[in-house]
């Protein structure tokens, strides 16, 4: 994500320590990382990461999806 090779990523079943460093790098690069409800977080078991501009649209798609 931070290097620009992807625009979004969903992680399921991660631990807070798995996402702590990527959270800092991604957000400093202008991206966003939230839980699946849109709250800024790297500590949840499920996180959505994006380049930033796509994030709200992705959350809306996730809200309408049956997972």
PDB file of N, CA and C in Angstrom:
ATOM      1  N   UNK A   1       0.809  -1.181   0.000  1.00  0.00           N
ATOM      2  CA  UNK A   1       0.000   0.000   0.000  1.00  0.00           C
ATOM      3  C   UNK A   1       0.864   1.261   0.000  1.00  0.00           C
ATOM      4  N   UNK A   2       1.752   1.384   0.943  1.00  0.00           N
ATOM      5  CA  UNK A   2       2.526   2.618   1.084  1.00  0.00           C
ATOM      6  C   UNK A   2       3.453   2.846  -0.103  1.00  0.00           C
ATOM      7  N   UNK A   3       3.901   1.785  -0.740  1.00  0.00           N
ATOM      8  CA  UNK A   3       4.789   1.955  -1.897  1.00  0.00           C
ATOM      9  C   UNK A   3       4.023   2.159  -3.191  1.00  0.00           C
ATOM     10  N   UNK A   4       2.694   2.061  -3.146  1.00  0.00           N
ATOM     11  CA  UNK A   4       1.877   2.341  -4.314  1.00  0.00           C
ATOM     12  C   UNK A   4       1.581   1.139  -5.197  1.00  0.00           C
ATOM     13  N   UNK A   5       1.853  -0.063  -4.748  1.00  0.00           N
ATOM     14  CA  UNK A   5       1.609  -1.244  -5.581  1.00  0.00           C
ATOM     15  C   UNK A   5       0.201  -1.808  -5.402  1.00  0.00           C
ATOM     16  N   UNK A   6      -0.581  -1.262  -4.479  1.00  0.00           N
ATOM     17  CA  UNK A   6      -1.968  -1.679  -4.268  1.00  0.00           C
ATOM     18  C   UNK A   6      -2.771  -0.463  -3.827  1.00  0.00           C
ATOM     19  N   UNK A   7      -4.075  -0.511  -4.068  1.00  0.00           N
ATOM     20  CA  UNK A   7      -4.926   0.605  -3.666  1.00  0.00           C
ATOM     21  C   UNK A   7      -5.759   0.293  -2.437  1.00  0.00           C
ATOM     22  N   UNK A   8      -5.955  -0.987  -2.156  1.00  0.00           N
ATOM     23  CA  UNK A   8      -6.725  -1.365  -0.974  1.00  0.00           C
ATOM     24  C   UNK A   8      -6.321  -2.758  -0.510  1.00  0.00           C
ATOM     25  N   UNK A   9      -6.601  -3.027   0.751  1.00  0.00           N
ATOM     26  CA  UNK A   9      -6.304  -4.338   1.317  1.00  0.00           C
ATOM     27  C   UNK A   9      -7.226  -4.556   2.509  1.00  0.00           C
ATOM     28  N   UNK A  10      -7.740  -5.780   2.622  1.00  0.00           N
ATOM     29  CA  UNK A  10      -8.561  -6.162   3.768  1.00  0.00           C
ATOM     30  C   UNK A  10      -7.829  -7.272   4.495  1.00  0.00           C
ATOM     31  N   UNK A  11      -7.692  -7.110   5.792  1.00  0.00           N
ATOM     32  CA  UNK A  11      -7.021  -8.120   6.624  1.00  0.00           C
ATOM     33  C   UNK A  11      -8.017  -8.655   7.641  1.00  0.00           C
ATOM     34  N   UNK A  12      -8.159  -9.965   7.694  1.00  0.00           N
ATOM     35  CA  UNK A  12      -9.039 -10.620   8.663  1.00  0.00           C
ATOM     36  C   UNK A  12      -8.208 -11.402   9.672  1.00  0.00           C
ATOM     37  N   UNK A  13      -8.598 -11.316  10.921  1.00  0.00           N
ATOM     38  CA  UNK A  13      -7.971 -12.115  11.963  1.00  0.00           C
ATOM     39  C   UNK A  13      -6.562 -11.704  12.333  1.00  0.00           C
ATOM     40  N   UNK A  14      -6.258 -10.407  12.222  1.00  0.00           N
ATOM     41  CA  UNK A  14      -4.916  -9.946  12.577  1.00  0.00           C
ATOM     42  C   UNK A  14      -4.887  -9.504  14.042  1.00  0.00           C
ATOM     43  N   UNK A  15      -3.721  -9.462  14.581  1.00  0.00           N
ATOM     44  CA  UNK A  15      -3.497  -8.982  15.949  1.00  0.00           C
ATOM     45  C   UNK A  15      -3.011  -7.535  15.891  1.00  0.00           C
ATOM     46  N   UNK A  16      -3.235  -6.756  16.950  1.00  0.00           N
ATOM     47  CA  UNK A  16      -2.809  -5.351  16.943  1.00  0.00           C
ATOM     48  C   UNK A  16      -1.331  -5.167  16.611  1.00  0.00           C
ATOM     49  N   UNK A  17      -0.483  -6.055  17.081  1.00  0.00           N
ATOM     50  CA  UNK A  17       0.955  -5.904  16.827  1.00  0.00           C
ATOM     51  C   UNK A  17       1.307  -6.200  15.370  1.00  0.00           C
ATOM     52  N   UNK A  18       0.419  -6.911  14.655  1.00  0.00           N
ATOM     53  CA  UNK A  18       0.657  -7.164  13.234  1.00  0.00           C
ATOM     54  C   UNK A  18       0.468  -5.899  12.398  1.00  0.00           C
ATOM     55  N   UNK A  19      -0.400  -5.013  12.856  1.00  0.00           N
ATOM     56  CA  UNK A  19      -0.767  -3.850  12.064  1.00  0.00           C
ATOM     57  C   UNK A  19      -0.224  -2.533  12.603  1.00  0.00           C
ATOM     58  N   UNK A  20       0.440  -2.541  13.749  1.00  0.00           N
ATOM     59  CA  UNK A  20       0.919  -1.296  14.365  1.00  0.00           C
ATOM     60  C   UNK A  20       1.894  -0.541  13.465  1.00  0.00           C
ATOM     61  N   UNK A  21       2.930  -1.195  12.988  1.00  0.00           N
ATOM     62  CA  UNK A  21       3.908  -0.518  12.125  1.00  0.00           C
ATOM     63  C   UNK A  21       3.303  -0.151  10.773  1.00  0.00           C
ATOM     64  N   UNK A  22       2.566  -1.067  10.106  1.00  0.00           N
ATOM     65  CA  UNK A  22       1.953  -0.666   8.836  1.00  0.00           C
ATOM     66  C   UNK A  22       0.984   0.508   8.985  1.00  0.00           C
ATOM     67  N   UNK A  23       0.298   0.603  10.126  1.00  0.00           N
ATOM     68  CA  UNK A  23      -0.621   1.716  10.363  1.00  0.00           C
ATOM     69  C   UNK A  23       0.127   3.046  10.301  1.00  0.00           C
ATOM     70  N   UNK A  24       1.251   3.123  10.981  1.00  0.00           N
ATOM     71  CA  UNK A  24       2.034   4.366  11.003  1.00  0.00           C
ATOM     72  C   UNK A  24       2.534   4.708   9.606  1.00  0.00           C
ATOM     73  N   UNK A  25       3.101   3.733   8.911  1.00  0.00           N
ATOM     74  CA  UNK A  25       3.650   3.984   7.567  1.00  0.00           C
ATOM     75  C   UNK A  25       2.533   4.400   6.610  1.00  0.00           C
ATOM     76  N   UNK A  26       1.430   3.669   6.629  1.00  0.00           N
ATOM     77  CA  UNK A  26       0.322   3.947   5.708  1.00  0.00           C
ATOM     78  C   UNK A  26      -0.294   5.318   5.956  1.00  0.00           C
ATOM     79  N   UNK A  27      -0.583   5.637   7.206  1.00  0.00           N
ATOM     80  CA  UNK A  27      -1.223   6.924   7.481  1.00  0.00           C
ATOM     81  C   UNK A  27      -0.282   8.097   7.207  1.00  0.00           C
ATOM     82  N   UNK A  28       1.010   7.920   7.456  1.00  0.00           N
ATOM     83  CA  UNK A  28       1.976   8.981   7.135  1.00  0.00           C
ATOM     84  C   UNK A  28       2.108   9.178   5.630  1.00  0.00           C
ATOM     85  N   UNK A  29       1.825   8.138   4.844  1.00  0.00           N
ATOM     86  CA  UNK A  29       1.889   8.230   3.384  1.00  0.00           C
ATOM     87  C   UNK A  29       0.575   8.750   2.796  1.00  0.00           C
ATOM     88  N   UNK A  30      -0.410   9.059   3.652  1.00  0.00           N
ATOM     89  CA  UNK A  30      -1.669   9.604   3.173  1.00  0.00           C
ATOM     90  C   UNK A  30      -2.793   8.596   3.053  1.00  0.00           C
ATOM     91  N   UNK A  31      -2.536   7.352   3.426  1.00  0.00           N
ATOM     92  CA  UNK A  31      -3.573   6.328   3.370  1.00  0.00           C
ATOM     93  C   UNK A  31      -4.409   6.300   4.630  1.00  0.00           C
ATOM     94  N   UNK A  32      -5.358   5.364   4.650  1.00  0.00           N
ATOM     95  CA  UNK A  32      -6.223   5.212   5.817  1.00  0.00           C
ATOM     96  C   UNK A  32      -6.299   3.743   6.202  1.00  0.00           C
ATOM     97  N   UNK A  33      -6.423   3.501   7.493  1.00  0.00           N
ATOM     98  CA  UNK A  33      -6.643   2.159   8.016  1.00  0.00           C
ATOM     99  C   UNK A  33      -7.731   2.275   9.079  1.00  0.00           C
ATOM    100  N   UNK A  34      -8.794   1.496   8.893  1.00  0.00           N
ATOM    101  CA  UNK A  34      -9.904   1.530   9.829  1.00  0.00           C
ATOM    102  C   UNK A  34     -10.387   0.110  10.101  1.00  0.00           C
ATOM    103  N   UNK A  35     -11.255  -0.011  11.103  1.00  0.00           N
ATOM    104  CA  UNK A  35     -11.974  -1.266  11.234  1.00  0.00           C
ATOM    105  C   UNK A  35     -13.039  -1.271  10.131  1.00  0.00           C
ATOM    106  N   UNK A  36     -13.820  -2.323  10.022  1.00  0.00           N
ATOM    107  CA  UNK A  36     -14.779  -2.432   8.927  1.00  0.00           C
ATOM    108  C   UNK A  36     -15.989  -1.524   9.094  1.00  0.00           C
ATOM    109  N   UNK A  37     -16.096  -0.866  10.251  1.00  0.00           N
ATOM    110  CA  UNK A  37     -17.155   0.109  10.468  1.00  0.00           C
ATOM    111  C   UNK A  37     -16.671   1.538  10.180  1.00  0.00           C
ATOM    112  N   UNK A  38     -15.402   1.701   9.881  1.00  0.00           N
ATOM    113  CA  UNK A  38     -14.868   3.011   9.517  1.00  0.00           C
ATOM    114  C   UNK A  38     -14.178   3.768  10.624  1.00  0.00           C
ATOM    115  N   UNK A  39     -14.025   3.160  11.795  1.00  0.00           N
ATOM    116  CA  UNK A  39     -13.317   3.826  12.895  1.00  0.00           C
ATOM    117  C   UNK A  39     -11.809   3.650  12.700  1.00  0.00           C
ATOM    118  N   UNK A  40     -11.078   4.743  12.759  1.00  0.00           N
ATOM    119  CA  UNK A  40      -9.624   4.684  12.601  1.00  0.00           C
ATOM    120  C   UNK A  40      -9.041   3.743  13.642  1.00  0.00           C
ATOM    121  N   UNK A  41      -8.387   2.708  13.185  1.00  0.00           N
ATOM    122  CA  UNK A  41      -7.864   1.712  14.121  1.00  0.00           C
ATOM    123  C   UNK A  41      -6.925   0.762  13.414  1.00  0.00           C
ATOM    124  N   UNK A  42      -5.940   0.297  14.146  1.00  0.00           N
ATOM    125  CA  UNK A  42      -5.111  -0.808  13.696  1.00  0.00           C
ATOM    126  C   UNK A  42      -5.259  -1.959  14.680  1.00  0.00           C
ATOM    127  N   UNK A  43      -6.094  -1.776  15.692  1.00  0.00           N
ATOM    128  CA  UNK A  43      -6.162  -2.743  16.782  1.00  0.00           C
ATOM    129  C   UNK A  43      -7.271  -3.783  16.645  1.00  0.00           C
ATOM    130  N   UNK A  44      -8.137  -3.654  15.651  1.00  0.00           N
ATOM    131  CA  UNK A  44      -9.209  -4.628  15.502  1.00  0.00           C
ATOM    132  C   UNK A  44      -8.724  -5.899  14.827  1.00  0.00           C
ATOM    133  N   UNK A  45      -9.533  -6.934  14.908  1.00  0.00           N
ATOM    134  CA  UNK A  45      -9.182  -8.199  14.259  1.00  0.00           C
ATOM    135  C   UNK A  45      -9.334  -8.112  12.747  1.00  0.00           C
ATOM    136  N   UNK A  46     -10.158  -7.195  12.258  1.00  0.00           N
ATOM    137  CA  UNK A  46     -10.397  -7.021  10.831  1.00  0.00           C
ATOM    138  C   UNK A  46     -10.177  -5.555  10.485  1.00  0.00           C
ATOM    139  N   UNK A  47      -9.316  -5.297   9.499  1.00  0.00           N
ATOM    140  CA  UNK A  47      -9.030  -3.916   9.123  1.00  0.00           C
ATOM    141  C   UNK A  47      -9.109  -3.739   7.615  1.00  0.00           C
ATOM    142  N   UNK A  48      -9.482  -2.529   7.225  1.00  0.00           N
ATOM    143  CA  UNK A  48      -9.513  -2.118   5.828  1.00  0.00           C
ATOM    144  C   UNK A  48      -8.477  -1.027   5.658  1.00  0.00           C
ATOM    145  N   UNK A  49      -7.582  -1.211   4.706  1.00  0.00           N
ATOM    146  CA  UNK A  49      -6.557  -0.215   4.401  1.00  0.00           C
ATOM    147  C   UNK A  49      -6.772   0.259   2.978  1.00  0.00           C
ATOM    148  N   UNK A  50      -6.510   1.539   2.746  1.00  0.00           N
ATOM    149  CA  UNK A  50      -6.632   2.063   1.387  1.00  0.00           C
ATOM    150  C   UNK A  50      -5.669   3.218   1.182  1.00  0.00           C
ATOM    151  N   UNK A  51      -5.632   3.670  -0.078  1.00  0.00           N
ATOM    152  CA  UNK A  51      -4.791   4.802  -0.419  1.00  0.00           C
ATOM    153  C   UNK A  51      -5.359   6.114   0.105  1.00  0.00           C
ATOM    154  N   UNK A  52      -6.546   6.103   0.649  1.00  0.00           N
ATOM    155  CA  UNK A  52      -7.175   7.296   1.214  1.00  0.00           C
ATOM    156  C   UNK A  52      -8.421   7.709   0.448  1.00  0.00           C
ATOM    157  N   UNK A  53      -8.287   8.186  -0.801  1.00  0.00           N
ATOM    158  CA  UNK A  53      -9.457   8.650  -1.544  1.00  0.00           C
ATOM    159  C   UNK A  53     -10.539   7.587  -1.761  1.00  0.00           C
ATOM    160  N   UNK A  54     -10.167   6.336  -1.854  1.00  0.00           N
ATOM    161  CA  UNK A  54     -11.136   5.257  -2.085  1.00  0.00           C
ATOM    162  C   UNK A  54     -11.825   4.771  -0.818  1.00  0.00           C
ATOM    163  N   UNK A  55     -11.352   5.167   0.312  1.00  0.00           N
ATOM    164  CA  UNK A  55     -11.740   4.527   1.570  1.00  0.00           C
ATOM    165  C   UNK A  55     -13.248   4.591   1.860  1.00  0.00           C
ATOM    166  N   UNK A  56     -13.849   5.749   1.733  1.00  0.00           N
ATOM    167  CA  UNK A  56     -15.274   5.864   2.045  1.00  0.00           C
ATOM    168  C   UNK A  56     -16.127   5.027   1.094  1.00  0.00           C
ATOM    169  N   UNK A  57     -15.765   4.987  -0.182  1.00  0.00           N
ATOM    170  CA  UNK A  57     -16.500   4.160  -1.147  1.00  0.00           C
ATOM    171  C   UNK A  57     -16.352   2.677  -0.811  1.00  0.00           C
ATOM    172  N   UNK A  58     -15.171   2.269  -0.392  1.00  0.00           N
ATOM    173  CA  UNK A  58     -14.952   0.872  -0.004  1.00  0.00           C
ATOM    174  C   UNK A  58     -15.767   0.502   1.227  1.00  0.00           C
ATOM    175  N   UNK A  59     -15.816   1.400   2.198  1.00  0.00           N
ATOM    176  CA  UNK A  59     -16.630   1.140   3.396  1.00  0.00           C
ATOM    177  C   UNK A  59     -18.104   0.988   3.029  1.00  0.00           C
ATOM    178  N   UNK A  60     -18.583   1.811   2.100  1.00  0.00           N
ATOM    179  CA  UNK A  60     -19.982   1.716   1.674  1.00  0.00           C
ATOM    180  C   UNK A  60     -20.236   0.388   0.973  1.00  0.00           C
ATOM    181  N   UNK A  61     -19.298  -0.057   0.151  1.00  0.00           N
ATOM    182  CA  UNK A  61     -19.436  -1.365  -0.494  1.00  0.00           C
ATOM    183  C   UNK A  61     -19.436  -2.489   0.513  1.00  0.00           C
ATOM    184  N   UNK A  62     -18.559  -2.383   1.500  1.00  0.00           N
ATOM    185  CA  UNK A  62     -18.485  -3.411   2.546  1.00  0.00           C
ATOM    186  C   UNK A  62     -19.773  -3.455   3.362  1.00  0.00           C
ATOM    187  N   UNK A  63     -20.360  -2.292   3.611  1.00  0.00           N
ATOM    188  CA  UNK A  63     -21.598  -2.241   4.397  1.00  0.00           C
ATOM    189  C   UNK A  63     -22.735  -2.936   3.668  1.00  0.00           C
ATOM    190  N   UNK A  64     -22.721  -2.890   2.344  1.00  0.00           N
ATOM    191  CA  UNK A  64     -23.767  -3.527   1.561  1.00  0.00           C
ATOM    192  C   UNK A  64     -23.497  -4.983   1.247  1.00  0.00           C
ATOM    193  N   UNK A  65     -22.299  -5.455   1.520  1.00  0.00           N
ATOM    194  CA  UNK A  65     -21.934  -6.844   1.211  1.00  0.00           C
ATOM    195  C   UNK A  65     -22.336  -7.768   2.333  1.00  0.00           C
ATOM    196  N   UNK A  66     -22.655  -8.981   1.995  1.00  0.00           N
ATOM    197  CA  UNK A  66     -22.935  -9.992   2.996  1.00  0.00           C
ATOM    198  C   UNK A  66     -21.683 -10.836   3.166  1.00  0.00           C
ATOM    199  N   UNK A  67     -20.996 -10.633   4.272  1.00  0.00           N
ATOM    200  CA  UNK A  67     -19.738 -11.361   4.519  1.00  0.00           C
ATOM    201  C   UNK A  67     -19.968 -12.541   5.410  1.00  0.00           C
TER     202      UNK A  67
END
